Amino acid sequence: MLTLPERVQQQLANKKLLFEYLVYKLELWKQEMHSRSQETFTKLKLQKILFLVASVKSKDNTYPLLNVFNKFYALPYGPVEMDIYEAMIDHSFKNIDFNGNECKTNFTEGCFTNLDKAQMAAITEALQTIKNMGADYISMPPFELVDITHKWTSWQVAMQVAEMCNSKREPMSTADIISSTVKAYK
């Protein structure tokens, strides 16, 4: 049986690998669009897409990805998953790295074999839901994604609390994200 610190480390490693799987699926989406999009993925763009993908109602009004990506904070440029943000800063991913703000990938065959199949399916389903909405996050400039996330009442309320506390960030609970009065995806 794993100790609590070992279990926390295992959950964090799984979260980072699931994020890498999301980036992998975004790369495939980009390839589907052929030459229409030469956009690169930046830290900012990936953080906004992560929030929108994790929060979309993907199945039976549940939010399975918010069980994994559960450490969102409201920051001036929108919601940020802090564990993923810190991994971006620390360069602690296995298959992606950041050259400045630009994401560089190095996916190899079998790099996702240890991921839970249900979580992989949740990513795929959430992305398909977003595609079906007609949201083109691949070619969308990062600050358009920022504008979309700024429409969410859960982000607005958290930023108001941050400002009242003279802070630049405030936690956004999963419950607050789920119950957000306004949920914008495009």
N, C-alpha and C. Protein backbone atom coordinates (compact mmCIF):
# COMPACT_ATOMS: atom_id res chain seq x y z
N MET A 1 0.84 -1.18 0.00
CA MET A 1 0.00 0.00 0.00
C MET A 1 0.89 1.24 0.00
N LEU A 2 0.48 2.23 -0.78
CA LEU A 2 1.25 3.47 -0.88
C LEU A 2 1.00 4.36 0.32
N THR A 3 2.04 5.04 0.76
CA THR A 3 1.87 6.04 1.80
C THR A 3 1.20 7.26 1.19
N LEU A 4 0.72 8.15 2.02
CA LEU A 4 0.04 9.36 1.52
C LEU A 4 0.95 10.18 0.61
N PRO A 5 2.21 10.47 1.01
CA PRO A 5 3.06 11.23 0.08
C PRO A 5 3.31 10.50 -1.24
N GLU A 6 3.44 9.18 -1.21
CA GLU A 6 3.62 8.42 -2.45
C GLU A 6 2.37 8.49 -3.32
N ARG A 7 1.22 8.41 -2.69
CA ARG A 7 -0.04 8.48 -3.43
C ARG A 7 -0.22 9.87 -4.07
N VAL A 8 0.14 10.92 -3.34
CA VAL A 8 0.05 12.28 -3.88
C VAL A 8 0.99 12.44 -5.06
N GLN A 9 2.21 11.92 -4.94
CA GLN A 9 3.17 11.98 -6.05
C GLN A 9 2.67 11.19 -7.26
N GLN A 10 2.05 10.05 -7.02
CA GLN A 10 1.51 9.25 -8.11
C GLN A 10 0.36 9.98 -8.81
N GLN A 11 -0.50 10.64 -8.03
CA GLN A 11 -1.61 11.41 -8.61
C GLN A 11 -1.08 12.58 -9.44
N LEU A 12 -0.03 13.23 -8.96
CA LEU A 12 0.55 14.35 -9.70
C LEU A 12 1.19 13.85 -11.00
N ALA A 13 1.89 12.73 -10.93
CA ALA A 13 2.50 12.16 -12.15
C ALA A 13 1.41 11.79 -13.16
N ASN A 14 0.30 11.24 -12.68
CA ASN A 14 -0.82 10.89 -13.56
C ASN A 14 -1.43 12.15 -14.17
N LYS A 15 -1.59 13.20 -13.38
CA LYS A 15 -2.15 14.46 -13.87
C LYS A 15 -1.27 15.03 -14.98
N LYS A 16 0.03 15.01 -14.77
CA LYS A 16 0.95 15.56 -15.78
C LYS A 16 0.90 14.72 -17.06
N LEU A 17 0.85 13.39 -16.92
CA LEU A 17 0.79 12.54 -18.11
C LEU A 17 -0.54 12.72 -18.83
N LEU A 18 -1.63 12.90 -18.10
CA LEU A 18 -2.92 13.14 -18.73
C LEU A 18 -2.92 14.48 -19.47
N PHE A 19 -2.25 15.48 -18.91
CA PHE A 19 -2.11 16.75 -19.62
C PHE A 19 -1.31 16.54 -20.91
N GLU A 20 -0.25 15.74 -20.84
CA GLU A 20 0.52 15.45 -22.04
C GLU A 20 -0.36 14.76 -23.09
N TYR A 21 -1.25 13.89 -22.63
CA TYR A 21 -2.17 13.23 -23.57
C TYR A 21 -3.08 14.27 -24.22
N LEU A 22 -3.54 15.24 -23.45
CA LEU A 22 -4.35 16.32 -24.02
C LEU A 22 -3.56 17.06 -25.10
N VAL A 23 -2.31 17.39 -24.81
CA VAL A 23 -1.47 18.09 -25.79
C VAL A 23 -1.29 17.22 -27.03
N TYR A 24 -1.11 15.93 -26.84
CA TYR A 24 -0.99 14.99 -27.96
C TYR A 24 -2.26 15.04 -28.83
N LYS A 25 -3.43 15.00 -28.18
CA LYS A 25 -4.70 15.05 -28.92
C LYS A 25 -4.87 16.40 -29.62
N LEU A 26 -4.39 17.47 -29.00
CA LEU A 26 -4.45 18.79 -29.65
C LEU A 26 -3.54 18.83 -30.87
N GLU A 27 -2.40 18.18 -30.79
CA GLU A 27 -1.51 18.09 -31.95
C GLU A 27 -2.19 17.34 -33.09
N LEU A 28 -2.91 16.27 -32.75
CA LEU A 28 -3.65 15.53 -33.79
C LEU A 28 -4.74 16.40 -34.40
N TRP A 29 -5.45 17.17 -33.58
CA TRP A 29 -6.49 18.09 -34.06
C TRP A 29 -5.86 19.10 -35.01
N LYS A 30 -4.70 19.61 -34.63
CA LYS A 30 -3.98 20.56 -35.47
C LYS A 30 -3.62 19.93 -36.82
N GLN A 31 -3.20 18.68 -36.82
CA GLN A 31 -2.87 17.98 -38.07
C GLN A 31 -4.11 17.79 -38.94
N GLU A 32 -5.26 17.54 -38.30
CA GLU A 32 -6.52 17.40 -39.04
C GLU A 32 -6.84 18.68 -39.82
N MET A 33 -6.44 19.81 -39.25
CA MET A 33 -6.74 21.10 -39.87
C MET A 33 -5.75 21.44 -40.98
N HIS A 34 -4.77 20.58 -41.18
CA HIS A 34 -3.75 20.73 -42.23
C HIS A 34 -3.05 22.07 -42.11
N SER A 35 -2.95 22.78 -43.19
CA SER A 35 -2.17 24.01 -43.19
C SER A 35 -2.96 25.22 -42.71
N ARG A 36 -4.23 25.04 -42.38
CA ARG A 36 -5.02 26.20 -41.92
C ARG A 36 -4.44 26.82 -40.66
N SER A 37 -3.82 26.02 -39.84
CA SER A 37 -3.33 26.54 -38.58
C SER A 37 -1.84 26.28 -38.42
N GLN A 38 -1.10 27.33 -38.38
CA GLN A 38 0.33 27.22 -38.07
C GLN A 38 0.59 27.69 -36.64
N GLU A 39 -0.48 27.88 -35.90
CA GLU A 39 -0.36 28.33 -34.52
C GLU A 39 0.47 27.35 -33.70
N THR A 40 1.29 27.90 -32.83
CA THR A 40 2.01 27.07 -31.88
C THR A 40 1.25 27.09 -30.56
N PHE A 41 1.48 26.08 -29.79
CA PHE A 41 0.87 26.03 -28.46
C PHE A 41 1.81 26.71 -27.48
N THR A 42 1.27 27.66 -26.75
CA THR A 42 2.02 28.35 -25.71
C THR A 42 1.49 27.94 -24.35
N LYS A 43 2.21 28.30 -23.32
CA LYS A 43 1.75 28.01 -21.95
C LYS A 43 0.36 28.60 -21.73
N LEU A 44 0.19 29.86 -22.13
CA LEU A 44 -1.08 30.54 -21.93
C LEU A 44 -2.20 29.84 -22.68
N LYS A 45 -1.98 29.55 -23.94
CA LYS A 45 -3.00 28.90 -24.76
C LYS A 45 -3.37 27.53 -24.20
N LEU A 46 -2.36 26.76 -23.80
CA LEU A 46 -2.63 25.42 -23.27
C LEU A 46 -3.37 25.48 -21.94
N GLN A 47 -3.07 26.47 -21.11
CA GLN A 47 -3.79 26.60 -19.84
C GLN A 47 -5.26 26.92 -20.07
N LYS A 48 -5.55 27.79 -21.03
CA LYS A 48 -6.95 28.14 -21.30
C LYS A 48 -7.69 26.94 -21.90
N ILE A 49 -7.04 26.25 -22.83
CA ILE A 49 -7.67 25.06 -23.43
C ILE A 49 -7.90 24.00 -22.36
N LEU A 50 -6.93 23.80 -21.48
CA LEU A 50 -7.08 22.82 -20.40
C LEU A 50 -8.32 23.13 -19.56
N PHE A 51 -8.48 24.39 -19.18
CA PHE A 51 -9.65 24.76 -18.38
C PHE A 51 -10.94 24.45 -19.12
N LEU A 52 -11.01 24.85 -20.38
CA LEU A 52 -12.24 24.65 -21.16
C LEU A 52 -12.52 23.18 -21.40
N VAL A 53 -11.50 22.40 -21.67
CA VAL A 53 -11.68 20.96 -21.89
C VAL A 53 -12.09 20.28 -20.59
N ALA A 54 -11.42 20.61 -19.49
CA ALA A 54 -11.73 19.97 -18.21
C ALA A 54 -13.12 20.30 -17.71
N SER A 55 -13.62 21.47 -18.08
CA SER A 55 -14.91 21.91 -17.54
C SER A 55 -16.10 21.59 -18.43
N VAL A 56 -15.86 21.17 -19.64
CA VAL A 56 -16.99 20.91 -20.54
C VAL A 56 -17.76 19.68 -20.06
N LYS A 57 -19.08 19.76 -20.16
CA LYS A 57 -19.91 18.62 -19.78
C LYS A 57 -19.71 17.53 -20.82
N SER A 58 -18.95 16.54 -20.46
CA SER A 58 -18.60 15.53 -21.46
C SER A 58 -19.50 14.31 -21.43
N LYS A 59 -20.13 14.03 -20.31
CA LYS A 59 -20.94 12.82 -20.25
C LYS A 59 -21.89 12.91 -19.06
N ASP A 60 -23.16 12.80 -19.32
CA ASP A 60 -24.17 12.73 -18.27
C ASP A 60 -24.04 13.82 -17.21
N ASN A 61 -23.73 15.04 -17.67
CA ASN A 61 -23.58 16.17 -16.76
C ASN A 61 -22.54 15.95 -15.67
N THR A 62 -21.55 15.11 -15.94
CA THR A 62 -20.45 14.93 -15.00
C THR A 62 -19.22 15.63 -15.55
N TYR A 63 -18.27 15.85 -14.70
CA TYR A 63 -17.04 16.53 -15.06
C TYR A 63 -15.86 15.67 -14.62
N PRO A 64 -15.66 14.53 -15.28
CA PRO A 64 -14.62 13.61 -14.81
C PRO A 64 -13.23 14.21 -14.83
N LEU A 65 -12.97 15.14 -15.71
CA LEU A 65 -11.62 15.71 -15.79
C LEU A 65 -11.35 16.69 -14.66
N LEU A 66 -12.40 17.27 -14.08
CA LEU A 66 -12.21 18.15 -12.93
C LEU A 66 -11.85 17.37 -11.67
N ASN A 67 -12.03 16.06 -11.71
CA ASN A 67 -11.56 15.23 -10.60
C ASN A 67 -10.04 15.09 -10.64
N VAL A 68 -9.46 15.22 -11.82
CA VAL A 68 -8.00 15.13 -11.99
C VAL A 68 -7.40 16.53 -11.96
N PHE A 69 -7.90 17.40 -12.83
CA PHE A 69 -7.41 18.78 -12.91
C PHE A 69 -8.24 19.60 -11.92
N ASN A 70 -7.82 19.55 -10.66
CA ASN A 70 -8.65 20.06 -9.57
C ASN A 70 -7.99 21.17 -8.76
N LYS A 71 -7.00 21.81 -9.34
CA LYS A 71 -6.29 22.87 -8.62
C LYS A 71 -6.24 24.14 -9.46
N PHE A 72 -7.43 24.58 -9.91
CA PHE A 72 -7.51 25.80 -10.71
C PHE A 72 -7.50 27.04 -9.81
N TYR A 73 -6.80 28.04 -10.28
CA TYR A 73 -6.76 29.35 -9.63
C TYR A 73 -7.17 30.40 -10.65
N ALA A 74 -7.87 31.42 -10.17
CA ALA A 74 -8.17 32.57 -11.02
C ALA A 74 -6.96 33.49 -10.98
N LEU A 75 -6.42 33.78 -12.14
CA LEU A 75 -5.32 34.72 -12.31
C LEU A 75 -5.77 35.78 -13.32
N PRO A 76 -5.05 36.89 -13.45
CA PRO A 76 -5.51 37.95 -14.35
C PRO A 76 -5.80 37.50 -15.78
N TYR A 77 -5.08 36.52 -16.30
CA TYR A 77 -5.33 36.04 -17.66
C TYR A 77 -6.24 34.83 -17.71
N GLY A 78 -6.99 34.59 -16.66
CA GLY A 78 -7.95 33.49 -16.65
C GLY A 78 -7.51 32.36 -15.74
N PRO A 79 -8.29 31.26 -15.74
CA PRO A 79 -8.01 30.12 -14.87
C PRO A 79 -6.71 29.42 -15.26
N VAL A 80 -6.00 28.99 -14.22
CA VAL A 80 -4.74 28.27 -14.39
C VAL A 80 -4.74 27.06 -13.45
N GLU A 81 -4.41 25.90 -14.00
CA GLU A 81 -4.26 24.70 -13.17
C GLU A 81 -2.84 24.75 -12.62
N MET A 82 -2.72 24.96 -11.31
CA MET A 82 -1.42 25.28 -10.72
C MET A 82 -0.42 24.13 -10.78
N ASP A 83 -0.86 22.90 -10.62
CA ASP A 83 0.09 21.78 -10.73
C ASP A 83 0.69 21.72 -12.13
N ILE A 84 -0.14 21.95 -13.13
CA ILE A 84 0.34 21.92 -14.52
C ILE A 84 1.22 23.15 -14.79
N TYR A 85 0.81 24.29 -14.27
CA TYR A 85 1.62 25.50 -14.43
C TYR A 85 3.02 25.32 -13.83
N GLU A 86 3.07 24.77 -12.62
CA GLU A 86 4.36 24.55 -11.97
C GLU A 86 5.20 23.54 -12.75
N ALA A 87 4.57 22.53 -13.32
CA ALA A 87 5.31 21.56 -14.15
C ALA A 87 5.85 22.23 -15.41
N MET A 88 5.09 23.19 -15.96
CA MET A 88 5.58 23.95 -17.12
C MET A 88 6.83 24.74 -16.74
N ILE A 89 6.80 25.36 -15.59
CA ILE A 89 7.91 26.19 -15.13
C ILE A 89 9.13 25.30 -14.80
N ASP A 90 8.87 24.17 -14.15
CA ASP A 90 9.95 23.27 -13.71
C ASP A 90 10.47 22.34 -14.80
N HIS A 91 9.82 22.36 -15.97
CA HIS A 91 10.19 21.45 -17.06
C HIS A 91 10.14 19.99 -16.59
N SER A 92 9.07 19.62 -15.90
CA SER A 92 9.01 18.28 -15.32
C SER A 92 8.04 17.34 -16.03
N PHE A 93 7.80 17.59 -17.31
CA PHE A 93 7.01 16.66 -18.12
C PHE A 93 7.96 15.65 -18.77
N LYS A 94 7.44 14.52 -19.14
CA LYS A 94 8.26 13.50 -19.80
C LYS A 94 8.35 13.73 -21.30
N ASN A 95 7.26 14.13 -21.94
CA ASN A 95 7.19 14.17 -23.40
C ASN A 95 6.98 15.56 -24.00
N ILE A 96 6.88 16.57 -23.15
CA ILE A 96 6.77 17.94 -23.65
C ILE A 96 7.71 18.82 -22.85
N ASP A 97 8.12 19.90 -23.49
CA ASP A 97 8.96 20.88 -22.82
C ASP A 97 8.59 22.24 -23.38
N PHE A 98 9.06 23.26 -22.75
CA PHE A 98 8.76 24.61 -23.19
C PHE A 98 10.04 25.35 -23.46
N ASN A 99 10.13 25.87 -24.67
CA ASN A 99 11.23 26.71 -25.09
C ASN A 99 10.71 28.14 -24.94
N GLY A 100 11.01 28.76 -23.82
CA GLY A 100 10.34 30.01 -23.49
C GLY A 100 8.89 29.70 -23.18
N ASN A 101 7.98 30.26 -23.95
CA ASN A 101 6.56 29.97 -23.77
C ASN A 101 6.04 28.92 -24.74
N GLU A 102 6.82 28.57 -25.75
CA GLU A 102 6.36 27.68 -26.81
C GLU A 102 6.54 26.21 -26.42
N CYS A 103 5.48 25.44 -26.65
CA CYS A 103 5.48 24.02 -26.33
C CYS A 103 6.18 23.21 -27.42
N LYS A 104 7.08 22.35 -27.00
CA LYS A 104 7.77 21.42 -27.89
C LYS A 104 7.41 20.01 -27.43
N THR A 105 7.00 19.16 -28.38
CA THR A 105 6.58 17.81 -28.02
C THR A 105 7.55 16.77 -28.55
N ASN A 106 7.58 15.64 -27.86
CA ASN A 106 8.39 14.51 -28.26
C ASN A 106 7.66 13.23 -27.86
N PHE A 107 6.50 13.00 -28.48
CA PHE A 107 5.71 11.84 -28.13
C PHE A 107 6.27 10.60 -28.81
N THR A 108 6.36 9.54 -28.03
CA THR A 108 6.86 8.27 -28.57
C THR A 108 5.75 7.24 -28.46
N GLU A 109 5.87 6.22 -29.27
CA GLU A 109 4.88 5.14 -29.23
C GLU A 109 4.88 4.52 -27.84
N GLY A 110 3.72 4.37 -27.30
CA GLY A 110 3.58 3.74 -26.00
C GLY A 110 3.75 4.67 -24.81
N CYS A 111 3.89 5.97 -25.04
CA CYS A 111 4.13 6.86 -23.90
C CYS A 111 2.89 7.04 -23.02
N PHE A 112 1.73 6.61 -23.50
CA PHE A 112 0.51 6.76 -22.71
C PHE A 112 -0.08 5.43 -22.25
N THR A 113 0.70 4.36 -22.31
CA THR A 113 0.18 3.03 -21.96
C THR A 113 -0.19 2.92 -20.48
N ASN A 114 0.41 3.74 -19.62
CA ASN A 114 0.12 3.67 -18.19
C ASN A 114 -1.07 4.52 -17.77
N LEU A 115 -1.65 5.25 -18.73
CA LEU A 115 -2.81 6.09 -18.39
C LEU A 115 -4.08 5.26 -18.28
N ASP A 116 -4.94 5.69 -17.40
CA ASP A 116 -6.25 5.08 -17.24
C ASP A 116 -7.06 5.29 -18.51
N LYS A 117 -7.61 4.22 -19.05
CA LYS A 117 -8.36 4.29 -20.32
C LYS A 117 -9.59 5.19 -20.20
N ALA A 118 -10.24 5.18 -19.04
CA ALA A 118 -11.42 6.03 -18.85
C ALA A 118 -11.04 7.51 -18.87
N GLN A 119 -9.89 7.87 -18.31
CA GLN A 119 -9.43 9.26 -18.34
C GLN A 119 -9.05 9.67 -19.76
N MET A 120 -8.42 8.77 -20.50
CA MET A 120 -8.09 9.06 -21.89
C MET A 120 -9.36 9.27 -22.69
N ALA A 121 -10.35 8.42 -22.45
CA ALA A 121 -11.63 8.55 -23.15
C ALA A 121 -12.31 9.87 -22.78
N ALA A 122 -12.18 10.30 -21.53
CA ALA A 122 -12.79 11.57 -21.10
C ALA A 122 -12.15 12.74 -21.84
N ILE A 123 -10.84 12.70 -22.05
CA ILE A 123 -10.16 13.76 -22.83
C ILE A 123 -10.69 13.75 -24.26
N THR A 124 -10.73 12.59 -24.86
CA THR A 124 -11.19 12.47 -26.24
C THR A 124 -12.63 12.95 -26.38
N GLU A 125 -13.47 12.56 -25.46
CA GLU A 125 -14.88 12.95 -25.49
C GLU A 125 -15.05 14.46 -25.27
N ALA A 126 -14.29 15.01 -24.35
CA ALA A 126 -14.38 16.45 -24.09
C ALA A 126 -13.94 17.24 -25.32
N LEU A 127 -12.86 16.81 -25.95
CA LEU A 127 -12.41 17.50 -27.17
C LEU A 127 -13.44 17.39 -28.29
N GLN A 128 -14.06 16.24 -28.42
CA GLN A 128 -15.09 16.07 -29.44
C GLN A 128 -16.29 16.97 -29.16
N THR A 129 -16.66 17.09 -27.89
CA THR A 129 -17.75 17.98 -27.51
C THR A 129 -17.43 19.42 -27.92
N ILE A 130 -16.21 19.84 -27.65
CA ILE A 130 -15.81 21.21 -28.01
C ILE A 130 -15.79 21.39 -29.52
N LYS A 131 -15.28 20.39 -30.25
CA LYS A 131 -15.29 20.47 -31.72
C LYS A 131 -16.73 20.57 -32.23
N ASN A 132 -17.63 19.79 -31.63
CA ASN A 132 -19.04 19.81 -32.04
C ASN A 132 -19.70 21.16 -31.78
N MET A 133 -19.19 21.90 -30.82
CA MET A 133 -19.70 23.24 -30.53
C MET A 133 -19.24 24.24 -31.58
N GLY A 134 -18.28 23.85 -32.38
CA GLY A 134 -17.74 24.74 -33.40
C GLY A 134 -16.63 25.65 -32.88
N ALA A 135 -16.09 25.33 -31.72
CA ALA A 135 -15.00 26.12 -31.16
C ALA A 135 -13.69 25.67 -31.79
N ASP A 136 -12.98 26.59 -32.40
CA ASP A 136 -11.72 26.29 -33.08
C ASP A 136 -10.55 26.79 -32.24
N TYR A 137 -10.27 26.10 -31.14
CA TYR A 137 -9.22 26.53 -30.23
C TYR A 137 -7.84 26.43 -30.85
N ILE A 138 -7.69 25.59 -31.84
CA ILE A 138 -6.38 25.37 -32.45
C ILE A 138 -5.87 26.64 -33.12
N SER A 139 -6.70 27.28 -33.91
CA SER A 139 -6.25 28.47 -34.63
C SER A 139 -6.61 29.77 -33.91
N MET A 140 -7.25 29.67 -32.77
CA MET A 140 -7.66 30.85 -32.02
C MET A 140 -6.45 31.47 -31.30
N PRO A 141 -6.25 32.77 -31.40
CA PRO A 141 -5.16 33.41 -30.66
C PRO A 141 -5.36 33.24 -29.15
N PRO A 142 -4.28 33.16 -28.40
CA PRO A 142 -4.39 32.93 -26.95
C PRO A 142 -5.29 33.93 -26.23
N PHE A 143 -5.24 35.20 -26.63
CA PHE A 143 -6.04 36.18 -25.89
C PHE A 143 -7.52 36.10 -26.21
N GLU A 144 -7.90 35.46 -27.31
CA GLU A 144 -9.32 35.15 -27.52
C GLU A 144 -9.77 34.10 -26.52
N LEU A 145 -8.89 33.13 -26.26
CA LEU A 145 -9.19 32.12 -25.24
C LEU A 145 -9.27 32.75 -23.85
N VAL A 146 -8.41 33.71 -23.59
CA VAL A 146 -8.46 34.44 -22.32
C VAL A 146 -9.82 35.14 -22.20
N ASP A 147 -10.26 35.80 -23.27
CA ASP A 147 -11.57 36.48 -23.25
C ASP A 147 -12.71 35.50 -22.97
N ILE A 148 -12.64 34.32 -23.54
CA ILE A 148 -13.67 33.31 -23.30
C ILE A 148 -13.70 32.93 -21.83
N THR A 149 -12.54 32.65 -21.25
CA THR A 149 -12.51 32.22 -19.84
C THR A 149 -12.89 33.36 -18.89
N HIS A 150 -12.71 34.60 -19.32
CA HIS A 150 -13.10 35.74 -18.48
C HIS A 150 -14.62 35.88 -18.39
N LYS A 151 -15.36 35.23 -19.26
CA LYS A 151 -16.83 35.29 -19.22
C LYS A 151 -17.40 34.41 -18.09
N TRP A 152 -16.61 33.46 -17.64
CA TRP A 152 -17.09 32.53 -16.61
C TRP A 152 -17.30 33.27 -15.29
N THR A 153 -18.48 33.11 -14.70
CA THR A 153 -18.74 33.78 -13.42
C THR A 153 -17.84 33.22 -12.32
N SER A 154 -17.48 31.95 -12.38
CA SER A 154 -16.59 31.39 -11.35
C SER A 154 -15.24 32.10 -11.35
N TRP A 155 -14.73 32.45 -12.52
CA TRP A 155 -13.47 33.20 -12.60
C TRP A 155 -13.69 34.64 -12.11
N GLN A 156 -14.78 35.27 -12.53
CA GLN A 156 -15.05 36.65 -12.14
C GLN A 156 -15.17 36.80 -10.63
N VAL A 157 -15.90 35.89 -9.99
CA VAL A 157 -16.08 35.96 -8.54
C VAL A 157 -14.75 35.73 -7.83
N ALA A 158 -13.99 34.74 -8.29
CA ALA A 158 -12.69 34.46 -7.66
C ALA A 158 -11.74 35.65 -7.80
N MET A 159 -11.76 36.32 -8.95
CA MET A 159 -10.89 37.49 -9.14
C MET A 159 -11.33 38.65 -8.27
N GLN A 160 -12.64 38.80 -8.06
CA GLN A 160 -13.12 39.85 -7.16
C GLN A 160 -12.63 39.59 -5.73
N VAL A 161 -12.66 38.33 -5.31
CA VAL A 161 -12.15 37.97 -3.98
C VAL A 161 -10.66 38.26 -3.91
N ALA A 162 -9.93 37.89 -4.95
CA ALA A 162 -8.48 38.15 -4.98
C ALA A 162 -8.20 39.65 -4.85
N GLU A 163 -8.94 40.45 -5.59
CA GLU A 163 -8.73 41.90 -5.53
C GLU A 163 -9.06 42.46 -4.14
N MET A 164 -10.13 41.94 -3.52
CA MET A 164 -10.48 42.40 -2.17
C MET A 164 -9.39 42.03 -1.16
N CYS A 165 -8.71 40.93 -1.43
CA CYS A 165 -7.63 40.47 -0.55
C CYS A 165 -6.27 41.02 -0.98
N ASN A 166 -6.31 41.93 -1.95
CA ASN A 166 -5.08 42.54 -2.47
C ASN A 166 -4.11 41.47 -3.01
N SER A 167 -4.68 40.53 -3.74
CA SER A 167 -3.91 39.42 -4.31
C SER A 167 -4.13 39.38 -5.82
N LYS A 168 -3.29 38.64 -6.49
CA LYS A 168 -3.44 38.48 -7.94
C LYS A 168 -3.97 37.10 -8.30
N ARG A 169 -4.31 36.29 -7.30
CA ARG A 169 -4.85 34.97 -7.59
C ARG A 169 -5.72 34.48 -6.44
N GLU A 170 -6.64 33.60 -6.80
CA GLU A 170 -7.57 33.04 -5.82
C GLU A 170 -7.98 31.65 -6.29
N PRO A 171 -8.04 30.68 -5.37
CA PRO A 171 -8.47 29.34 -5.79
C PRO A 171 -9.89 29.34 -6.36
N MET A 172 -10.10 28.47 -7.33
CA MET A 172 -11.42 28.24 -7.90
C MET A 172 -11.77 26.78 -7.59
N SER A 173 -12.73 26.57 -6.73
CA SER A 173 -13.08 25.19 -6.39
C SER A 173 -13.78 24.52 -7.56
N THR A 174 -13.68 23.21 -7.59
CA THR A 174 -14.38 22.44 -8.61
C THR A 174 -15.88 22.72 -8.55
N ALA A 175 -16.42 22.80 -7.34
CA ALA A 175 -17.85 23.08 -7.18
C ALA A 175 -18.21 24.44 -7.78
N ASP A 176 -17.36 25.44 -7.58
CA ASP A 176 -17.63 26.77 -8.15
C ASP A 176 -17.57 26.74 -9.67
N ILE A 177 -16.62 26.00 -10.22
CA ILE A 177 -16.52 25.88 -11.68
C ILE A 177 -17.77 25.21 -12.24
N ILE A 178 -18.17 24.12 -11.61
CA ILE A 178 -19.35 23.37 -12.08
C ILE A 178 -20.61 24.23 -11.99
N SER A 179 -20.73 25.01 -10.91
CA SER A 179 -21.97 25.79 -10.72
C SER A 179 -21.88 27.19 -11.32
N SER A 180 -20.85 27.47 -12.08
CA SER A 180 -20.70 28.78 -12.72
C SER A 180 -21.97 29.12 -13.49
N THR A 181 -22.53 30.30 -13.23
CA THR A 181 -23.75 30.73 -13.90
C THR A 181 -23.52 30.90 -15.40
N VAL A 182 -22.40 31.51 -15.76
CA VAL A 182 -22.03 31.66 -17.16
C VAL A 182 -20.87 30.72 -17.45
N LYS A 183 -21.07 29.89 -18.47
CA LYS A 183 -20.03 28.97 -18.94
C LYS A 183 -19.89 29.21 -20.44
N ALA A 184 -18.81 29.83 -20.82
CA ALA A 184 -18.60 30.15 -22.23
C ALA A 184 -17.54 29.25 -22.81
N TYR A 185 -17.78 28.80 -24.04
CA TYR A 185 -16.81 27.95 -24.74
C TYR A 185 -16.36 28.54 -26.06
N LYS A 186 -17.02 29.60 -26.49
CA LYS A 186 -16.58 30.28 -27.71
C LYS A 186 -17.12 31.69 -27.73
